[in-house]
PDB file of N, CA and C in Angstrom:
ATOM      1  N   UNK A   1       0.396  -1.142   0.371  1.00  0.00           N
ATOM      2  CA  UNK A   1       0.069  -0.339  -0.118  1.00  0.00           C
ATOM      3  C   UNK A   1       0.987   1.171   0.558  1.00  0.00           C
ATOM      4  N   UNK A   2       1.954   1.095   0.822  1.00  0.00           N
ATOM      5  CA  UNK A   2       2.874   2.044   1.110  1.00  0.00           C
ATOM      6  C   UNK A   2       3.270   2.634  -0.180  1.00  0.00           C
ATOM      7  N   UNK A   3       3.987   1.364  -1.009  1.00  0.00           N
ATOM      8  CA  UNK A   3       4.563   1.302  -1.877  1.00  0.00           C
ATOM      9  C   UNK A   3       3.138   2.667  -3.527  1.00  0.00           C
ATOM     10  N   UNK A   4       2.911   1.712  -3.087  1.00  0.00           N
ATOM     11  CA  UNK A   4       1.966   2.622  -4.558  1.00  0.00           C
ATOM     12  C   UNK A   4       1.551   3.823  -4.076  1.00  0.00           C
ATOM     13  N   UNK A   5       1.604   4.286  -2.462  1.00  0.00           N
ATOM     14  CA  UNK A   5       1.391   5.321  -2.965  1.00  0.00           C
ATOM     15  C   UNK A   5       2.200   6.318  -2.968  1.00  0.00           C
ATOM     16  N   UNK A   6       2.827   5.264  -2.321  1.00  0.00           N
ATOM     17  CA  UNK A   6       5.042   6.812  -3.374  1.00  0.00           C
ATOM     18  C   UNK A   6       5.089   6.945  -4.941  1.00  0.00           C
ATOM     19  N   UNK A   7       4.406   5.033  -5.739  1.00  0.00           N
ATOM     20  CA  UNK A   7       5.004   5.145  -7.175  1.00  0.00           C
ATOM     21  C   UNK A   7       3.877   6.726  -7.423  1.00  0.00           C
ATOM     22  N   UNK A   8       2.490   6.595  -6.742  1.00  0.00           N
ATOM     23  CA  UNK A   8       1.420   7.540  -7.551  1.00  0.00           C
ATOM     24  C   UNK A   8       2.205   8.942  -6.953  1.00  0.00           C
ATOM     25  N   UNK A   9       2.594   9.199  -5.755  1.00  0.00           N
ATOM     26  CA  UNK A   9       3.377  10.477  -5.616  1.00  0.00           C
ATOM     27  C   UNK A   9       4.318  11.037  -6.617  1.00  0.00           C
ATOM     28  N   UNK A  10       4.767  10.034  -6.596  1.00  0.00           N
ATOM     29  CA  UNK A  10       5.974  10.549  -7.446  1.00  0.00           C
ATOM     30  C   UNK A  10       5.730  11.012  -9.311  1.00  0.00           C
ATOM     31  N   UNK A  11       4.742  10.076  -9.124  1.00  0.00           N
ATOM     32  CA  UNK A  11       4.291  10.233 -11.070  1.00  0.00           C
ATOM     33  C   UNK A  11       3.097  11.408 -10.915  1.00  0.00           C
ATOM     34  N   UNK A  12       2.744  11.580  -9.654  1.00  0.00           N
ATOM     35  CA  UNK A  12       2.164  13.113  -9.841  1.00  0.00           C
ATOM     36  C   UNK A  12       2.894  14.399  -9.876  1.00  0.00           C
ATOM     37  N   UNK A  13       4.400  14.094  -8.835  1.00  0.00           N
ATOM     38  CA  UNK A  13       5.485  15.699  -8.962  1.00  0.00           C
ATOM     39  C   UNK A  13       5.837  15.091 -10.480  1.00  0.00           C
ATOM     40  N   UNK A  14       6.685  14.186 -10.588  1.00  0.00           N
ATOM     41  CA  UNK A  14       6.743  14.391 -12.529  1.00  0.00           C
ATOM     42  C   UNK A  14       5.771  14.673 -13.888  1.00  0.00           C
ATOM     43  N   UNK A  15       4.641  14.723 -13.561  1.00  0.00           N
ATOM     44  CA  UNK A  15       3.492  14.933 -13.802  1.00  0.00           C
ATOM     45  C   UNK A  15       3.565  16.993 -13.683  1.00  0.00           C
ATOM     46  N   UNK A  16       3.399  17.045 -12.602  1.00  0.00           N
ATOM     47  CA  UNK A  16       3.375  18.761 -12.626  1.00  0.00           C
ATOM     48  C   UNK A  16       4.576  19.088 -13.103  1.00  0.00           C
ATOM     49  N   UNK A  17       5.766  18.537 -12.529  1.00  0.00           N
ATOM     50  CA  UNK A  17       6.914  19.538 -12.805  1.00  0.00           C
ATOM     51  C   UNK A  17       7.135  19.407 -14.166  1.00  0.00           C
ATOM     52  N   UNK A  18       6.528  18.706 -14.723  1.00  0.00           N
ATOM     53  CA  UNK A  18       6.567  18.090 -16.718  1.00  0.00           C
ATOM     54  C   UNK A  18       5.572  20.224 -16.895  1.00  0.00           C
ATOM     55  N   UNK A  19       3.899  20.087 -16.378  1.00  0.00           N
ATOM     56  CA  UNK A  19       3.894  21.447 -16.482  1.00  0.00           C
ATOM     57  C   UNK A  19       3.156  22.152 -15.742  1.00  0.00           C
ATOM     58  N   UNK A  20       5.164  22.517 -14.801  1.00  0.00           N
ATOM     59  CA  UNK A  20       4.525  23.455 -14.061  1.00  0.00           C
ATOM     60  C   UNK A  20       4.413  24.351 -14.579  1.00  0.00           C
ATOM     61  N   UNK A  21       5.164  25.635 -15.827  1.00  0.00           N
ATOM     62  CA  UNK A  21       5.146  26.495 -16.476  1.00  0.00           C
ATOM     63  C   UNK A  21       3.835  26.560 -16.618  1.00  0.00           C
ATOM     64  N   UNK A  22       2.806  26.164 -17.401  1.00  0.00           N
ATOM     65  CA  UNK A  22       1.568  26.343 -17.319  1.00  0.00           C
ATOM     66  C   UNK A  22       0.495  26.012 -15.947  1.00  0.00           C
ATOM     67  N   UNK A  23       1.114  25.426 -16.011  1.00  0.00           N
ATOM     68  CA  UNK A  23       0.435  25.427 -14.308  1.00  0.00           C
ATOM     69  C   UNK A  23       0.441  26.590 -13.025  1.00  0.00           C
ATOM     70  N   UNK A  24       1.240  27.415 -13.085  1.00  0.00           N
ATOM     71  CA  UNK A  24       1.423  28.740 -12.318  1.00  0.00           C
ATOM     72  C   UNK A  24       1.162  29.785 -13.881  1.00  0.00           C
ATOM     73  N   UNK A  25       1.494  29.375 -14.389  1.00  0.00           N
ATOM     74  CA  UNK A  25       0.912  30.386 -15.514  1.00  0.00           C
ATOM     75  C   UNK A  25      -0.574  30.987 -15.123  1.00  0.00           C
ATOM     76  N   UNK A  26      -1.751  29.468 -15.891  1.00  0.00           N
ATOM     77  CA  UNK A  26      -3.322  29.825 -15.170  1.00  0.00           C
ATOM     78  C   UNK A  26      -3.147  29.477 -13.942  1.00  0.00           C
ATOM     79  N   UNK A  27      -2.901  29.898 -13.140  1.00  0.00           N
ATOM     80  CA  UNK A  27      -2.582  29.935 -11.419  1.00  0.00           C
ATOM     81  C   UNK A  27      -2.820  31.496 -11.622  1.00  0.00           C
ATOM     82  N   UNK A  28      -1.720  31.696 -11.152  1.00  0.00           N
ATOM     83  CA  UNK A  28      -1.325  33.475 -11.344  1.00  0.00           C
ATOM     84  C   UNK A  28      -2.231  34.503 -12.646  1.00  0.00           C
ATOM     85  N   UNK A  29      -3.108  33.640 -13.338  1.00  0.00           N
ATOM     86  CA  UNK A  29      -3.950  34.834 -14.008  1.00  0.00           C
ATOM     87  C   UNK A  29      -5.651  34.348 -13.735  1.00  0.00           C
ATOM     88  N   UNK A  30      -5.626  33.164 -13.454  1.00  0.00           N
ATOM     89  CA  UNK A  30      -7.083  32.994 -11.855  1.00  0.00           C
ATOM     90  C   UNK A  30      -6.860  33.501 -10.441  1.00  0.00           C
ATOM     91  N   UNK A  31      -6.133  33.995  -9.927  1.00  0.00           N
ATOM     92  CA  UNK A  31      -5.634  34.214  -8.517  1.00  0.00           C
ATOM     93  C   UNK A  31      -4.770  34.644  -8.062  1.00  0.00           C
ATOM     94  N   UNK A  32      -3.914  35.426  -8.634  1.00  0.00           N
ATOM     95  CA  UNK A  32      -2.288  36.295  -8.630  1.00  0.00           C
ATOM     96  C   UNK A  32      -1.809  35.658  -7.784  1.00  0.00           C
ATOM     97  N   UNK A  33      -1.107  36.875  -7.321  1.00  0.00           N
ATOM     98  CA  UNK A  33       0.367  36.784  -6.354  1.00  0.00           C
ATOM     99  C   UNK A  33      -0.554  35.579  -5.416  1.00  0.00           C
ATOM    100  N   UNK A  34      -1.128  35.482  -4.755  1.00  0.00           N
ATOM    101  CA  UNK A  34      -1.732  35.175  -3.584  1.00  0.00           C
ATOM    102  C   UNK A  34      -2.307  33.525  -3.795  1.00  0.00           C
ATOM    103  N   UNK A  35      -2.344  33.436  -5.208  1.00  0.00           N
ATOM    104  CA  UNK A  35      -2.751  32.344  -5.697  1.00  0.00           C
ATOM    105  C   UNK A  35      -1.592  31.597  -5.500  1.00  0.00           C
ATOM    106  N   UNK A  36      -0.228  32.229  -6.381  1.00  0.00           N
ATOM    107  CA  UNK A  36       0.225  31.719  -6.665  1.00  0.00           C
ATOM    108  C   UNK A  36       1.766  30.681  -5.560  1.00  0.00           C
ATOM    109  N   UNK A  37       1.472  31.526  -4.560  1.00  0.00           N
ATOM    110  CA  UNK A  37       1.812  31.196  -3.394  1.00  0.00           C
ATOM    111  C   UNK A  37       1.528  30.049  -2.932  1.00  0.00           C
ATOM    112  N   UNK A  38       0.221  30.333  -3.133  1.00  0.00           N
ATOM    113  CA  UNK A  38      -0.945  28.780  -2.258  1.00  0.00           C
ATOM    114  C   UNK A  38      -0.182  27.436  -3.348  1.00  0.00           C
ATOM    115  N   UNK A  39       0.048  27.715  -4.368  1.00  0.00           N
ATOM    116  CA  UNK A  39      -0.015  26.723  -5.298  1.00  0.00           C
ATOM    117  C   UNK A  39       1.222  26.566  -5.313  1.00  0.00           C
ATOM    118  N   UNK A  40       2.560  27.027  -4.873  1.00  0.00           N
ATOM    119  CA  UNK A  40       3.919  26.638  -4.728  1.00  0.00           C
ATOM    120  C   UNK A  40       4.075  25.996  -3.072  1.00  0.00           C
ATOM    121  N   UNK A  41       3.829  27.046  -2.705  1.00  0.00           N
ATOM    122  CA  UNK A  41       3.608  26.002  -0.961  1.00  0.00           C
ATOM    123  C   UNK A  41       3.534  24.565  -1.294  1.00  0.00           C
ATOM    124  N   UNK A  42       1.953  24.537  -1.214  1.00  0.00           N
ATOM    125  CA  UNK A  42       1.284  23.277  -1.696  1.00  0.00           C
ATOM    126  C   UNK A  42       1.890  22.519  -2.509  1.00  0.00           C
ATOM    127  N   UNK A  43       1.954  22.522  -3.022  1.00  0.00           N
ATOM    128  CA  UNK A  43       3.353  21.650  -5.002  1.00  0.00           C
ATOM    129  C   UNK A  43       5.112  21.703  -3.155  1.00  0.00           C
ATOM    130  N   UNK A  44       5.552  22.413  -2.824  1.00  0.00           N
ATOM    131  CA  UNK A  44       6.883  21.989  -1.920  1.00  0.00           C
ATOM    132  C   UNK A  44       5.823  21.410  -0.542  1.00  0.00           C
ATOM    133  N   UNK A  45       4.918  21.580  -0.015  1.00  0.00           N
ATOM    134  CA  UNK A  45       5.174  20.762   0.624  1.00  0.00           C
ATOM    135  C   UNK A  45       4.412  19.182  -0.070  1.00  0.00           C
ATOM    136  N   UNK A  46       4.176  18.959  -0.970  1.00  0.00           N
ATOM    137  CA  UNK A  46       4.049  17.913  -1.765  1.00  0.00           C
ATOM    138  C   UNK A  46       5.236  17.273  -1.632  1.00  0.00           C
ATOM    139  N   UNK A  47       6.270  17.841  -2.054  1.00  0.00           N
ATOM    140  CA  UNK A  47       7.058  17.228  -2.816  1.00  0.00           C
ATOM    141  C   UNK A  47       8.294  16.368  -1.216  1.00  0.00           C
ATOM    142  N   UNK A  48       7.759  17.293  -0.557  1.00  0.00           N
ATOM    143  CA  UNK A  48       9.096  17.287   1.497  1.00  0.00           C
ATOM    144  C   UNK A  48       8.112  16.025   1.902  1.00  0.00           C
ATOM    145  N   UNK A  49       6.961  15.879   1.608  1.00  0.00           N
ATOM    146  CA  UNK A  49       6.258  14.514   2.582  1.00  0.00           C
ATOM    147  C   UNK A  49       6.339  13.523   1.259  1.00  0.00           C
ATOM    148  N   UNK A  50       6.790  12.956  -0.081  1.00  0.00           N
ATOM    149  CA  UNK A  50       6.706  12.161  -0.708  1.00  0.00           C
ATOM    150  C   UNK A  50       8.614  12.180   0.506  1.00  0.00           C
ATOM    151  N   UNK A  51       9.927  13.069  -0.035  1.00  0.00           N
ATOM    152  CA  UNK A  51      11.014  13.590   0.084  1.00  0.00           C
ATOM    153  C   UNK A  51      11.393  12.133   1.525  1.00  0.00           C
ATOM    154  N   UNK A  52       9.496  12.531   2.366  1.00  0.00           N
ATOM    155  CA  UNK A  52      10.211  12.016   3.643  1.00  0.00           C
ATOM    156  C   UNK A  52       9.793  11.049   3.805  1.00  0.00           C
ATOM    157  N   UNK A  53       8.316  10.333   3.170  1.00  0.00           N
ATOM    158  CA  UNK A  53       8.207   8.776   3.025  1.00  0.00           C
ATOM    159  C   UNK A  53       9.678   8.104   2.330  1.00  0.00           C
ATOM    160  N   UNK A  54       9.917   8.338   1.639  1.00  0.00           N
ATOM    161  CA  UNK A  54      11.593   7.897   1.072  1.00  0.00           C
ATOM    162  C   UNK A  54      12.356   7.526   1.752  1.00  0.00           C
ATOM    163  N   UNK A  55      12.822   8.775   3.015  1.00  0.00           N
ATOM    164  CA  UNK A  55      13.512   8.470   3.886  1.00  0.00           C
ATOM    165  C   UNK A  55      13.495   7.421   4.883  1.00  0.00           C
ATOM    166  N   UNK A  56      11.624   7.896   4.975  1.00  0.00           N
ATOM    167  CA  UNK A  56      11.491   7.181   6.639  1.00  0.00           C
ATOM    168  C   UNK A  56      11.836   5.344   5.926  1.00  0.00           C
ATOM    169  N   UNK A  57      11.612   4.929   4.798  1.00  0.00           N
ATOM    170  CA  UNK A  57      11.786   4.166   3.778  1.00  0.00           C
ATOM    171  C   UNK A  57      13.776   3.296   3.934  1.00  0.00           C
ATOM    172  N   UNK A  58      13.881   4.580   3.937  1.00  0.00           N
ATOM    173  CA  UNK A  58      14.919   4.169   3.823  1.00  0.00           C
ATOM    174  C   UNK A  58      16.003   3.592   5.344  1.00  0.00           C
ATOM    175  N   UNK A  59      15.315   4.500   6.362  1.00  0.00           N
ATOM    176  CA  UNK A  59      15.452   4.599   7.951  1.00  0.00           C
ATOM    177  C   UNK A  59      14.914   2.974   8.549  1.00  0.00           C
ATOM    178  N   UNK A  60      13.871   2.451   8.608  1.00  0.00           N
ATOM    179  CA  UNK A  60      13.692   1.254   8.297  1.00  0.00           C
ATOM    180  C   UNK A  60      14.607   0.217   7.406  1.00  0.00           C
ATOM    181  N   UNK A  61      14.796   0.496   6.398  1.00  0.00           N
ATOM    182  CA  UNK A  61      16.016  -0.560   5.684  1.00  0.00           C
ATOM    183  C   UNK A  61      17.351  -0.382   6.086  1.00  0.00           C
ATOM    184  N   UNK A  62      17.701   0.393   7.272  1.00  0.00           N
ATOM    185  CA  UNK A  62      19.529   0.318   7.394  1.00  0.00           C
ATOM    186  C   UNK A  62      19.741  -0.997   8.570  1.00  0.00           C
ATOM    187  N   UNK A  63      18.685  -1.073   9.383  1.00  0.00           N
ATOM    188  CA  UNK A  63      19.422  -2.495   9.718  1.00  0.00           C
ATOM    189  C   UNK A  63      19.577  -3.448   8.792  1.00  0.00           C
ATOM    190  N   UNK A  64      18.360  -4.217   7.846  1.00  0.00           N
ATOM    191  CA  UNK A  64      18.576  -4.828   7.171  1.00  0.00           C
ATOM    192  C   UNK A  64      19.643  -4.826   6.112  1.00  0.00           C
ATOM    193  N   UNK A  65      20.369  -3.057   5.713  1.00  0.00           N
ATOM    194  CA  UNK A  65      21.021  -3.302   4.752  1.00  0.00           C
ATOM    195  C   UNK A  65      22.407  -3.340   4.957  1.00  0.00           C
ATOM    196  N   UNK A  66      22.350  -3.331   7.033  1.00  0.00           N
ATOM    197  CA  UNK A  66      23.748  -3.445   7.651  1.00  0.00           C
ATOM    198  C   UNK A  66      23.955  -4.962   7.635  1.00  0.00           C
ATOM    199  N   UNK A  67      23.078  -5.536   8.229  1.00  0.00           N
ATOM    200  CA  UNK A  67      23.355  -7.612   8.062  1.00  0.00           C
ATOM    201  C   UNK A  67      23.710  -7.660   7.032  1.00  0.00           C
ATOM    202  N   UNK A  68      23.239  -7.200   5.799  1.00  0.00           N
ATOM    203  CA  UNK A  68      23.151  -7.947   4.599  1.00  0.00           C
ATOM    204  C   UNK A  68      25.135  -7.513   4.472  1.00  0.00           C
ATOM    205  N   UNK A  69      25.630  -6.285   4.433  1.00  0.00           N
ATOM    206  CA  UNK A  69      26.552  -6.130   4.361  1.00  0.00           C
ATOM    207  C   UNK A  69      28.163  -6.791   5.591  1.00  0.00           C
ATOM    208  N   UNK A  70      27.110  -6.894   6.907  1.00  0.00           N
ATOM    209  CA  UNK A  70      28.014  -8.087   7.441  1.00  0.00           C
ATOM    210  C   UNK A  70      28.212  -9.665   6.898  1.00  0.00           C
ATOM    211  N   UNK A  71      26.937 -10.333   6.612  1.00  0.00           N
ATOM    212  CA  UNK A  71      27.035 -11.801   5.986  1.00  0.00           C
ATOM    213  C   UNK A  71      27.666 -11.148   4.921  1.00  0.00           C
ATOM    214  N   UNK A  72      27.706 -10.626   4.187  1.00  0.00           N
ATOM    215  CA  UNK A  72      28.648 -10.105   2.580  1.00  0.00           C
ATOM    216  C   UNK A  72      30.609 -10.670   3.392  1.00  0.00           C
ATOM    217  N   UNK A  73      30.414  -9.246   3.786  1.00  0.00           N
ATOM    218  CA  UNK A  73      31.828  -9.271   4.222  1.00  0.00           C
ATOM    219  C   UNK A  73      32.311 -11.106   4.848  1.00  0.00           C
ATOM    220  N   UNK A  74      31.249 -11.731   5.532  1.00  0.00           N
ATOM    221  CA  UNK A  74      31.894 -12.587   6.389  1.00  0.00           C
ATOM    222  C   UNK A  74      31.743 -13.796   4.924  1.00  0.00           C
ATOM    223  N   UNK A  75      30.841 -13.684   4.516  1.00  0.00           N
ATOM    224  CA  UNK A  75      30.963 -14.830   2.917  1.00  0.00           C
ATOM    225  C   UNK A  75      32.205 -14.236   2.469  1.00  0.00           C
ATOM    226  N   UNK A  76      32.698 -13.065   2.123  1.00  0.00           N
ATOM    227  CA  UNK A  76      34.424 -12.712   0.917  1.00  0.00           C
ATOM    228  C   UNK A  76      35.318 -13.405   1.749  1.00  0.00           C
ATOM    229  N   UNK A  77      34.986 -13.774   3.285  1.00  0.00           N
ATOM    230  CA  UNK A  77      36.152 -14.266   3.926  1.00  0.00           C
ATOM    231  C   UNK A  77      36.550 -15.536   4.097  1.00  0.00           C
ATOM    232  N   UNK A  78      35.202 -16.451   4.011  1.00  0.00           N
ATOM    233  CA  UNK A  78      35.388 -17.132   3.330  1.00  0.00           C
ATOM    234  C   UNK A  78      35.684 -17.537   2.146  1.00  0.00           C
ATOM    235  N   UNK A  79      35.480 -17.044   1.386  1.00  0.00           N
ATOM    236  CA  UNK A  79      36.052 -17.369  -0.109  1.00  0.00           C
ATOM    237  C   UNK A  79      36.971 -16.785   0.196  1.00  0.00           C
ATOM    238  N   UNK A  80      37.904 -16.557   0.059  1.00  0.00           N
ATOM    239  CA  UNK A  80      39.094 -16.218   0.435  1.00  0.00           C
ATOM    240  C   UNK A  80      39.887 -16.910   0.725  1.00  0.00           C
ATOM    241  N   UNK A  81      39.862 -17.346   2.204  1.00  0.00           N
ATOM    242  CA  UNK A  81      39.897 -18.952   3.002  1.00  0.00           C
ATOM    243  C   UNK A  81      40.208 -20.025   2.484  1.00  0.00           C
ATOM    244  N   UNK A  82      38.914 -19.573   1.810  1.00  0.00           N
ATOM    245  CA  UNK A  82      38.746 -21.651   0.890  1.00  0.00           C
ATOM    246  C   UNK A  82      39.480 -21.495  -0.398  1.00  0.00           C
ATOM    247  N   UNK A  83      39.600 -20.463  -0.906  1.00  0.00           N
ATOM    248  CA  UNK A  83      40.642 -20.390  -2.623  1.00  0.00           C
ATOM    249  C   UNK A  83      42.171 -20.416  -1.802  1.00  0.00           C
ATOM    250  N   UNK A  84      42.096 -19.905  -0.338  1.00  0.00           N
ATOM    251  CA  UNK A  84      43.848 -20.167  -0.097  1.00  0.00           C
ATOM    252  C   UNK A  84      44.267 -21.819   0.288  1.00  0.00           C
ATOM    253  N   UNK A  85      42.774 -21.828   0.577  1.00  0.00           N
ATOM    254  CA  UNK A  85      42.971 -23.684   1.227  1.00  0.00           C
ATOM    255  C   UNK A  85      42.987 -23.974  -0.179  1.00  0.00           C
ATOM    256  N   UNK A  86      42.625 -24.058  -1.353  1.00  0.00           N
ATOM    257  CA  UNK A  86      42.872 -24.260  -2.568  1.00  0.00           C
ATOM    258  C   UNK A  86      41.804 -25.385  -2.380  1.00  0.00           C
ATOM    259  N   UNK A  87      40.324 -25.226  -1.345  1.00  0.00           N
ATOM    260  CA  UNK A  87      39.518 -26.555  -1.386  1.00  0.00           C
ATOM    261  C   UNK A  87      38.657 -26.681  -2.927  1.00  0.00           C
ATOM    262  N   UNK A  88      37.779 -28.100  -2.715  1.00  0.00           N
ATOM    263  CA  UNK A  88      36.683 -28.027  -3.837  1.00  0.00           C
ATOM    264  C   UNK A  88      37.019 -27.110  -4.401  1.00  0.00           C
ATOM    265  N   UNK A  89      36.578 -26.771  -5.780  1.00  0.00           N
ATOM    266  CA  UNK A  89      35.444 -26.251  -6.716  1.00  0.00           C
ATOM    267  C   UNK A  89      34.194 -26.498  -6.479  1.00  0.00           C
ATOM    268  N   UNK A  90      33.997 -27.034  -5.641  1.00  0.00           N
ATOM    269  CA  UNK A  90      32.336 -27.716  -5.349  1.00  0.00           C
ATOM    270  C   UNK A  90      31.997 -26.326  -4.641  1.00  0.00           C
ATOM    271  N   UNK A  91      32.754 -26.305  -3.533  1.00  0.00           N
ATOM    272  CA  UNK A  91      32.302 -25.964  -1.842  1.00  0.00           C
ATOM    273  C   UNK A  91      32.206 -24.428  -2.161  1.00  0.00           C
ATOM    274  N   UNK A  92      33.732 -23.872  -3.211  1.00  0.00           N
ATOM    275  CA  UNK A  92      33.924 -22.925  -3.774  1.00  0.00           C
ATOM    276  C   UNK A  92      32.652 -21.915  -4.632  1.00  0.00           C
ATOM    277  N   UNK A  93      32.568 -22.416  -5.373  1.00  0.00           N
ATOM    278  CA  UNK A  93      31.341 -22.620  -5.938  1.00  0.00           C
ATOM    279  C   UNK A  93      29.914 -22.210  -5.259  1.00  0.00           C
ATOM    280  N   UNK A  94      29.599 -23.024  -4.271  1.00  0.00           N
ATOM    281  CA  UNK A  94      28.868 -23.050  -3.000  1.00  0.00           C
ATOM    282  C   UNK A  94      28.932 -21.062  -2.610  1.00  0.00           C
ATOM    283  N   UNK A  95      29.892 -21.407  -2.006  1.00  0.00           N
ATOM    284  CA  UNK A  95      30.447 -19.929  -1.559  1.00  0.00           C
ATOM    285  C   UNK A  95      30.146 -18.649  -1.896  1.00  0.00           C
ATOM    286  N   UNK A  96      30.400 -18.830  -3.561  1.00  0.00           N
ATOM    287  CA  UNK A  96      30.655 -18.005  -4.947  1.00  0.00           C
ATOM    288  C   UNK A  96      28.692 -16.980  -5.411  1.00  0.00           C
ATOM    289  N   UNK A  97      28.454 -18.498  -4.964  1.00  0.00           N
ATOM    290  CA  UNK A  97      26.580 -17.793  -4.980  1.00  0.00           C
ATOM    291  C   UNK A  97      25.978 -17.900  -4.103  1.00  0.00           C
ATOM    292  N   UNK A  98      26.398 -18.057  -2.627  1.00  0.00           N
ATOM    293  CA  UNK A  98      26.093 -16.993  -1.733  1.00  0.00           C
ATOM    294  C   UNK A  98      26.576 -15.806  -1.167  1.00  0.00           C
ATOM    295  N   UNK A  99      27.758 -15.024  -2.386  1.00  0.00           N
ATOM    296  CA  UNK A  99      27.864 -13.646  -1.877  1.00  0.00           C
ATOM    297  C   UNK A  99      26.985 -13.476  -3.523  1.00  0.00           C
ATOM    298  N   UNK A 100      27.162 -14.104  -4.796  1.00  0.00           N
ATOM    299  CA  UNK A 100      26.670 -13.572  -5.145  1.00  0.00           C
ATOM    300  C   UNK A 100      24.154 -13.376  -4.777  1.00  0.00           C
ATOM    301  N   UNK A 101      24.568 -14.178  -4.152  1.00  0.00           N
ATOM    302  CA  UNK A 101      22.556 -13.751  -3.922  1.00  0.00           C
ATOM    303  C   UNK A 101      23.045 -12.277  -2.849  1.00  0.00           C
ATOM    304  N   UNK A 102      23.807 -12.628  -2.089  1.00  0.00           N
ATOM    305  CA  UNK A 102      23.757 -10.962  -0.803  1.00  0.00           C
ATOM    306  C   UNK A 102      23.924  -9.769  -1.375  1.00  0.00           C
ATOM    307  N   UNK A 103      24.537  -9.730  -3.070  1.00  0.00           N
ATOM    308  CA  UNK A 103      24.928  -8.733  -3.410  1.00  0.00           C
ATOM    309  C   UNK A 103      23.555  -8.527  -3.958  1.00  0.00           C
ATOM    310  N   UNK A 104      22.739  -9.775  -4.400  1.00  0.00           N
ATOM    311  CA  UNK A 104      21.908  -8.850  -4.872  1.00  0.00           C
ATOM    312  C   UNK A 104      20.986  -8.458  -4.094  1.00  0.00           C
ATOM    313  N   UNK A 105      21.161  -9.310  -3.163  1.00  0.00           N
ATOM    314  CA  UNK A 105      20.325  -8.532  -2.068  1.00  0.00           C
ATOM    315  C   UNK A 105      20.603  -7.111  -2.000  1.00  0.00           C
ATOM    316  N   UNK A 106      21.495  -6.750  -1.452  1.00  0.00           N
ATOM    317  CA  UNK A 106      21.870  -5.244  -1.822  1.00  0.00           C
ATOM    318  C   UNK A 106      21.626  -4.369  -3.080  1.00  0.00           C
ATOM    319  N   UNK A 107      21.279  -4.770  -4.168  1.00  0.00           N
ATOM    320  CA  UNK A 107      21.309  -4.043  -5.440  1.00  0.00           C
ATOM    321  C   UNK A 107      19.489  -3.530  -5.307  1.00  0.00           C
ATOM    322  N   UNK A 108      19.027  -4.872  -4.688  1.00  0.00           N
ATOM    323  CA  UNK A 108      17.472  -4.218  -4.977  1.00  0.00           C
ATOM    324  C   UNK A 108      17.634  -3.196  -4.140  1.00  0.00           C
TER     325      UNK A 108
END
């Protein structure tokens, strides 16, 4: 639900941005400086709230991201150790695949 909200706000902001000049002109012509000031304030407030939603999402993901980074470092150490010990290539491949999976999660 929150993802849908962010997607729709993003789309609305993009559309508003593309049409900003025309919208501001119409607003000014119909209501003057006061209407234009209200319009600008509303647009800025919508944009601010959108960025607050994005920041909230990033803050909630931080523990997960840190955990994934820690896991990737552990697996990298295992890989280096396995390579130095010249372990079985099947075991090395398993470690490489584990590392790939974590890196994919970090990239999302």
